[in-house]
Amino acid sequence: MYEQRLSSPQWETYPTVALCSNDTGKARLNALLLFLAGYAFERAGCPPYFSGLAVDVLTGIGTWPPDEHLVWKRFQYALSQWKQDAPKVVRWGESDAEVNDLRSHLKGLNTKANPLAPKGTDYWEKGIRVGATSQESVVRLALGSDLPLDMWVRDHLERETQKVYSELSGVSGIADKIASLFMRDVACHYGVFPLIEDDRRLLQPIDIWERRTVQLLREGEPSKNDGERQRFIVQNSNCAGCSPERVNQGIWYFGSQIAETEYCLHKAMTSPDGVRLANDWLETHLRSLRRVGHA
């Protein structure tokens, strides 16, 4: 259900493989758009409209290869135009001083953890420069391969899982969870998985629903960290003959879309009639989706 409702529609919107043979530039652009639309801004606390703004900016530029500095500048401008409380003073050719003044007013831009900020970009607090970014932008990562980003991940996932994980998580604002999230979905989309079992933990994004579920499955025995939770899901999925990646998707989907609260999740997983409750809630969820589909 996760793939049908949430993942597949985005992958269908931004196809890559079908374009590679005759329009590599368009395929690489689509792969970057896919990453921006569904993954790059999924960190906690990131404004939900950032992904849409980033997609519009890159689509507006429309050519491959894009200039990462132009993408960053236009993203700031698009944000300034969208946020009514921001000064609308910057045009494409204006001075760095004016751009810096705009940065200081754009709440939530979070340059230090923004995937579009090129390495070495100054970041500001209350109009004062406090540092510069030390990690590459996602645009720079996408430019580093002749393949579209999703296909590059696919082609290195089996034997070079650690390398893929390191390069993705090394982008500003991406870190562990988003790198694992993208790798997991690439693996499920293409049916390609790490050959080393322990490397499959790197395809296990962990958020509040995985933490809660693992805690309940361990019957209250606390996990030391997210790495232990990742290994728990992988090992127990393999023992049950299930795909760890799809189990991870299912844990998140059931918790966030069906149970929706910690109380209901706990009830489904600990009550004597928990399986029946979970099935009833699933049926209700499916009926709701069918009604929406027929509206």
Protein backbone atom coordinates (compact mmCIF):
# COMPACT_ATOMS: atom_id res chain seq x y z
CA MET A 1 0.00 0.00 0.00
CA TYR A 2 2.87 2.34 0.72
CA GLU A 3 4.15 1.93 -2.83
CA GLN A 4 0.76 2.10 -4.50
CA ARG A 5 -0.40 5.20 -2.65
CA LEU A 6 2.75 7.17 -1.96
CA SER A 7 5.84 5.95 -3.76
CA SER A 8 4.76 4.76 -7.22
CA PRO A 9 2.84 7.94 -8.18
CA GLN A 10 6.00 10.00 -7.71
CA TRP A 11 8.15 7.55 -9.65
CA GLU A 12 5.59 7.60 -12.46
CA THR A 13 5.60 11.40 -12.48
CA TYR A 14 9.39 11.52 -12.92
CA PRO A 15 10.39 8.54 -15.13
CA THR A 16 14.08 7.92 -15.72
CA VAL A 17 14.79 4.48 -17.22
CA ALA A 18 12.51 4.95 -20.23
CA LEU A 19 14.23 8.25 -21.09
CA CYS A 20 17.84 7.15 -20.68
CA SER A 21 18.30 5.72 -24.17
CA ASN A 22 17.34 8.90 -26.03
CA ASP A 23 17.36 11.81 -23.54
CA THR A 24 19.88 11.28 -20.75
CA GLY A 25 19.69 14.90 -19.64
CA LYS A 26 15.92 14.72 -19.15
CA ALA A 27 16.29 11.41 -17.29
CA ARG A 28 18.90 12.91 -14.95
CA LEU A 29 16.73 15.98 -14.39
CA ASN A 30 13.71 13.79 -13.59
CA ALA A 31 15.72 11.75 -11.08
CA LEU A 32 16.75 14.92 -9.25
CA LEU A 33 13.15 16.17 -9.33
CA LEU A 34 12.03 12.83 -7.87
CA PHE A 35 14.52 13.16 -5.02
CA LEU A 36 13.51 16.77 -4.31
CA ALA A 37 9.78 16.00 -4.46
CA GLY A 38 9.72 12.97 -2.21
CA TYR A 39 12.89 12.70 -0.16
CA ALA A 40 15.31 15.63 0.17
CA PHE A 41 13.20 17.73 2.56
CA GLU A 42 11.81 14.93 4.73
CA ARG A 43 13.85 15.87 7.78
CA ALA A 44 12.01 16.75 10.98
CA GLY A 45 11.02 20.39 11.22
CA CYS A 46 11.51 21.19 7.53
CA PRO A 47 8.67 23.34 6.11
CA PRO A 48 6.43 21.06 4.02
CA TYR A 49 6.34 23.47 1.07
CA PHE A 50 10.11 23.38 0.49
CA SER A 51 9.86 20.32 -1.77
CA GLY A 52 7.30 21.98 -4.04
CA LEU A 53 9.33 25.19 -4.25
CA ALA A 54 12.48 23.24 -5.10
CA VAL A 55 10.70 21.26 -7.83
CA ASP A 56 9.29 24.46 -9.33
CA VAL A 57 12.70 26.12 -9.31
CA LEU A 58 14.46 23.23 -11.02
CA THR A 59 11.62 22.76 -13.49
CA GLY A 60 11.77 26.47 -14.28
CA ILE A 61 15.48 26.22 -15.08
CA GLY A 62 14.63 23.17 -17.17
CA THR A 63 18.04 22.35 -18.62
CA TRP A 64 20.77 19.87 -17.78
CA PRO A 65 23.21 20.36 -16.21
CA PRO A 66 21.83 22.97 -13.79
CA ASP A 67 24.12 25.44 -12.03
CA GLU A 68 23.92 24.69 -8.30
CA HIS A 69 24.48 28.33 -7.38
CA LEU A 70 21.67 29.46 -9.67
CA VAL A 71 19.35 26.83 -8.22
CA TRP A 72 20.14 28.02 -4.70
CA LYS A 73 19.67 31.68 -5.57
CA ARG A 74 16.34 31.04 -7.28
CA PHE A 75 15.14 28.88 -4.40
CA GLN A 76 15.71 31.77 -2.01
CA TYR A 77 13.95 34.14 -4.37
CA ALA A 78 10.98 31.77 -4.80
CA LEU A 79 10.72 31.45 -1.02
CA SER A 80 10.82 35.23 -0.60
CA GLN A 81 7.97 35.64 -3.10
CA TRP A 82 5.90 32.93 -1.43
CA LYS A 83 6.34 34.12 2.16
CA GLN A 84 4.40 37.34 2.57
CA ASP A 85 6.44 38.44 5.58
CA ALA A 86 9.74 38.35 3.65
CA PRO A 87 11.16 41.39 1.81
CA LYS A 88 10.67 41.08 -1.94
CA VAL A 89 13.83 42.88 -3.04
CA VAL A 90 16.07 40.36 -4.79
CA ARG A 91 16.34 39.87 -8.55
CA TRP A 92 18.59 37.39 -10.30
CA GLY A 93 21.45 39.80 -10.94
CA GLU A 94 21.55 41.72 -7.67
CA SER A 95 24.46 41.95 -5.27
CA ASP A 96 25.60 39.41 -2.70
CA ALA A 97 24.90 41.97 0.03
CA GLU A 98 21.23 42.10 -0.97
CA VAL A 99 21.03 38.31 -1.14
CA ASN A 100 22.55 38.09 2.34
CA ASP A 101 20.00 40.60 3.62
CA LEU A 102 17.24 38.42 2.21
CA ARG A 103 18.73 35.30 3.84
CA SER A 104 18.62 36.95 7.23
CA HIS A 105 14.86 37.52 6.86
CA LEU A 106 13.81 34.14 5.49
CA LYS A 107 12.71 32.19 8.52
CA GLY A 108 13.24 28.46 8.24
CA LEU A 109 15.62 28.60 5.27
CA ASN A 110 18.15 26.73 7.44
CA THR A 111 21.03 27.14 5.01
CA LYS A 112 23.29 24.87 7.06
CA ALA A 113 20.95 21.89 6.57
CA ASN A 114 19.38 22.79 3.22
CA PRO A 115 20.12 20.19 0.49
CA LEU A 116 20.20 22.90 -2.19
CA ALA A 117 22.89 25.03 -0.51
CA PRO A 118 26.25 24.64 -2.31
CA LYS A 119 29.30 23.75 -0.25
CA GLY A 120 30.85 26.93 1.18
CA THR A 121 27.56 28.86 1.35
CA ASP A 122 27.51 31.38 4.19
CA TYR A 123 24.75 31.03 6.75
CA TRP A 124 23.44 33.82 8.90
CA GLU A 125 21.69 34.46 12.19
CA LYS A 126 20.07 37.83 12.84
CA GLY A 127 22.00 39.38 9.99
CA ILE A 128 25.38 38.11 11.22
CA ARG A 129 27.46 35.53 9.34
CA VAL A 130 28.13 32.61 11.66
CA GLY A 131 29.67 30.05 9.31
CA ALA A 132 29.66 28.31 5.93
CA THR A 133 28.29 24.97 4.81
CA SER A 134 30.80 22.11 4.75
CA GLN A 135 28.80 19.54 2.76
CA GLU A 136 27.91 19.27 -0.91
CA SER A 137 24.49 20.11 -2.33
CA VAL A 138 22.20 17.46 -3.79
CA VAL A 139 22.62 19.14 -7.18
CA ARG A 140 26.37 18.53 -6.99
CA LEU A 141 25.76 14.90 -6.04
CA ALA A 142 23.45 14.44 -9.03
CA LEU A 143 26.04 15.99 -11.34
CA GLY A 144 28.69 13.54 -10.16
CA SER A 145 27.42 10.60 -12.24
CA ASP A 146 26.50 10.10 -15.88
CA LEU A 147 23.45 8.15 -14.70
CA PRO A 148 20.23 9.49 -13.19
CA LEU A 149 20.48 9.55 -9.39
CA ASP A 150 18.06 6.66 -8.82
CA MET A 151 19.83 4.47 -11.39
CA TRP A 152 23.22 5.30 -9.90
CA VAL A 153 21.93 4.11 -6.51
CA ARG A 154 20.45 0.99 -8.14
CA ASP A 155 23.67 0.06 -9.92
CA HIS A 156 25.80 0.31 -6.76
CA LEU A 157 23.30 -0.96 -4.22
CA GLU A 158 24.20 -4.66 -4.30
CA ARG A 159 27.98 -4.46 -3.84
CA GLU A 160 28.75 -0.88 -2.77
CA THR A 161 25.95 -0.22 -0.30
CA GLN A 162 28.21 1.59 2.18
CA LYS A 163 29.52 3.91 -0.55
CA VAL A 164 26.01 4.85 -1.70
CA TYR A 165 24.88 5.44 1.86
CA SER A 166 27.95 7.56 2.62
CA GLU A 167 27.55 9.77 -0.45
CA LEU A 168 23.83 10.31 0.04
CA SER A 169 24.09 11.01 3.77
CA GLY A 170 27.00 13.37 3.08
CA VAL A 171 24.70 15.88 1.38
CA SER A 172 23.62 18.89 3.45
CA GLY A 173 20.44 18.10 5.37
CA ILE A 174 20.14 14.49 4.18
CA ALA A 175 21.84 12.47 6.93
CA ASP A 176 20.94 8.91 7.92
CA LYS A 177 17.16 8.72 7.72
CA ILE A 178 16.68 10.29 4.28
CA ALA A 179 19.60 8.37 2.76
CA SER A 180 18.06 5.11 4.03
CA LEU A 181 14.60 6.15 2.88
CA PHE A 182 15.71 6.77 -0.71
CA MET A 183 17.86 3.63 -0.83
CA ARG A 184 14.98 1.53 0.50
CA ASP A 185 12.57 2.84 -2.13
CA VAL A 186 15.09 2.45 -4.95
CA ALA A 187 15.67 -1.15 -3.85
CA CYS A 188 11.94 -1.93 -3.78
CA HIS A 189 11.27 -0.13 -7.07
CA TYR A 190 13.98 -1.98 -8.98
CA GLY A 191 14.06 -5.21 -6.99
CA VAL A 192 17.78 -4.82 -6.26
CA PHE A 193 19.08 -5.39 -2.71
CA PRO A 194 22.45 -5.49 -0.91
CA LEU A 195 24.24 -8.83 -1.14
CA ILE A 196 25.65 -8.51 2.38
CA GLU A 197 22.85 -9.06 4.88
CA ASP A 198 24.15 -6.59 7.44
CA ASP A 199 24.21 -3.85 4.79
CA ARG A 200 20.42 -4.09 4.52
CA ARG A 201 20.20 -2.20 7.80
CA LEU A 202 21.28 0.87 5.80
CA LEU A 203 17.98 0.59 3.91
CA GLN A 204 16.01 0.92 7.15
CA PRO A 205 14.88 4.51 7.80
CA ILE A 206 13.90 4.80 11.45
CA ASP A 207 11.33 7.27 12.69
CA ILE A 208 8.85 7.36 15.55
CA TRP A 209 6.70 4.52 14.14
CA GLU A 210 9.61 2.14 13.74
CA ARG A 211 10.83 3.01 17.22
CA ARG A 212 7.42 2.40 18.78
CA THR A 213 6.82 -0.82 16.86
CA VAL A 214 10.22 -2.32 17.64
CA GLN A 215 9.78 -1.42 21.31
CA LEU A 216 6.47 -3.30 21.38
CA LEU A 217 7.88 -6.28 19.50
CA ARG A 218 10.73 -6.47 21.99
CA GLU A 219 8.08 -6.54 24.74
CA GLY A 220 9.36 -3.43 26.43
CA GLU A 221 13.08 -4.22 26.25
CA PRO A 222 14.58 -0.91 25.11
CA SER A 223 16.81 -0.64 22.04
CA LYS A 224 20.12 1.11 22.59
CA ASN A 225 19.95 3.10 19.35
CA ASP A 226 18.48 3.20 15.85
CA GLY A 227 21.21 0.91 14.54
CA GLU A 228 19.98 -1.81 16.88
CA ARG A 229 16.42 -1.20 15.70
CA GLN A 230 17.53 -1.50 12.08
CA ARG A 231 19.20 -4.85 12.72
CA PHE A 232 16.17 -6.07 14.67
CA ILE A 233 13.87 -5.41 11.70
CA VAL A 234 16.27 -6.97 9.20
CA GLN A 235 16.97 -10.11 11.23
CA ASN A 236 13.35 -10.78 12.19
CA SER A 237 12.07 -10.08 8.68
CA ASN A 238 14.57 -12.54 7.23
CA CYS A 239 13.63 -15.16 9.82
CA ALA A 240 9.98 -14.75 8.78
CA GLY A 241 10.85 -14.98 5.08
CA CYS A 242 9.86 -11.36 4.45
CA SER A 243 11.62 -8.47 2.74
CA PRO A 244 13.08 -6.19 5.48
CA GLU A 245 12.57 -3.18 3.22
CA ARG A 246 8.88 -3.87 2.65
CA VAL A 247 8.41 -4.63 6.34
CA ASN A 248 9.89 -1.21 7.09
CA GLN A 249 7.46 0.39 4.65
CA GLY A 250 4.59 -1.52 6.23
CA ILE A 251 5.52 -0.53 9.79
CA TRP A 252 5.54 3.13 8.85
CA TYR A 253 2.35 2.91 6.80
CA PHE A 254 0.34 1.05 9.42
CA GLY A 255 1.45 3.39 12.19
CA SER A 256 1.08 6.72 10.41
CA GLN A 257 -1.86 6.03 8.10
CA ILE A 258 -3.99 3.37 9.84
CA ALA A 259 -3.34 3.31 13.59
CA GLU A 260 -2.45 7.03 13.58
CA THR A 261 -1.85 7.23 17.34
CA GLU A 262 0.53 5.54 19.76
CA TYR A 263 -2.46 4.30 21.77
CA CYS A 264 -4.04 2.50 18.80
CA LEU A 265 -0.71 1.01 17.76
CA HIS A 266 -0.17 -0.31 21.28
CA LYS A 267 -3.71 -1.71 21.36
CA ALA A 268 -3.30 -3.51 18.02
CA MET A 269 0.00 -5.05 19.04
CA THR A 270 -0.71 -6.03 22.64
CA SER A 271 -4.44 -6.74 22.99
CA PRO A 272 -5.70 -10.33 22.78
CA ASP A 273 -7.88 -9.30 19.83
CA GLY A 274 -5.19 -7.05 18.32
CA VAL A 275 -5.05 -8.88 15.00
CA ARG A 276 -8.80 -8.53 14.54
CA LEU A 277 -8.62 -4.84 15.43
CA ALA A 278 -5.80 -4.26 12.96
CA ASN A 279 -7.72 -6.04 10.20
CA ASP A 280 -10.86 -4.04 10.97
CA TRP A 281 -8.94 -0.76 10.84
CA LEU A 282 -7.31 -1.83 7.59
CA GLU A 283 -10.70 -2.59 6.03
CA THR A 284 -12.00 0.79 7.16
CA HIS A 285 -8.93 2.43 5.66
CA LEU A 286 -9.41 0.60 2.35
CA ARG A 287 -13.09 1.53 2.18
CA SER A 288 -12.18 5.15 2.73
CA LEU A 289 -9.64 5.01 -0.10
CA ARG A 290 -12.17 3.37 -2.41
CA ARG A 291 -14.72 6.10 -1.67
CA VAL A 292 -12.14 8.75 -2.49
CA GLY A 293 -11.30 6.90 -5.70
CA HIS A 294 -14.94 6.92 -6.80
CA ALA A 295 -15.61 10.52 -5.82
